[in-house]
């Protein structure tokens, strides 16, 4: 098979998948519209879905650790360095145990 034919096949496959993706996107928008019509906040639903997908992809422990670090950074930013950010460690983390025992 020539390079041109291979390129055409790759592009055709991607275009088909993009069409499917567009259809799925339309279906998802319809579900959000239905939920909104019944009085639910579609932004909050989207946030819940995003969170659940992150938990599924990363695992609850990894996500919790990232969220803890996020809040440490946010606190540091909001206080402008005026107050130390609270130390948060995942239970059983070797890094936290070393840090807390002074061997970090």
Foldseek 3Di string as FASTA:
>chain_A
DDPVVVVVVVVVVVVVVVVVVVVVVVVVVVVLVVCVVVPDDSVVVVVVVVVVVCCVVPNPQVVVQVVLVVQQVVVCVVCVNPDHRDDDDDPPDPVVVCVVVPND
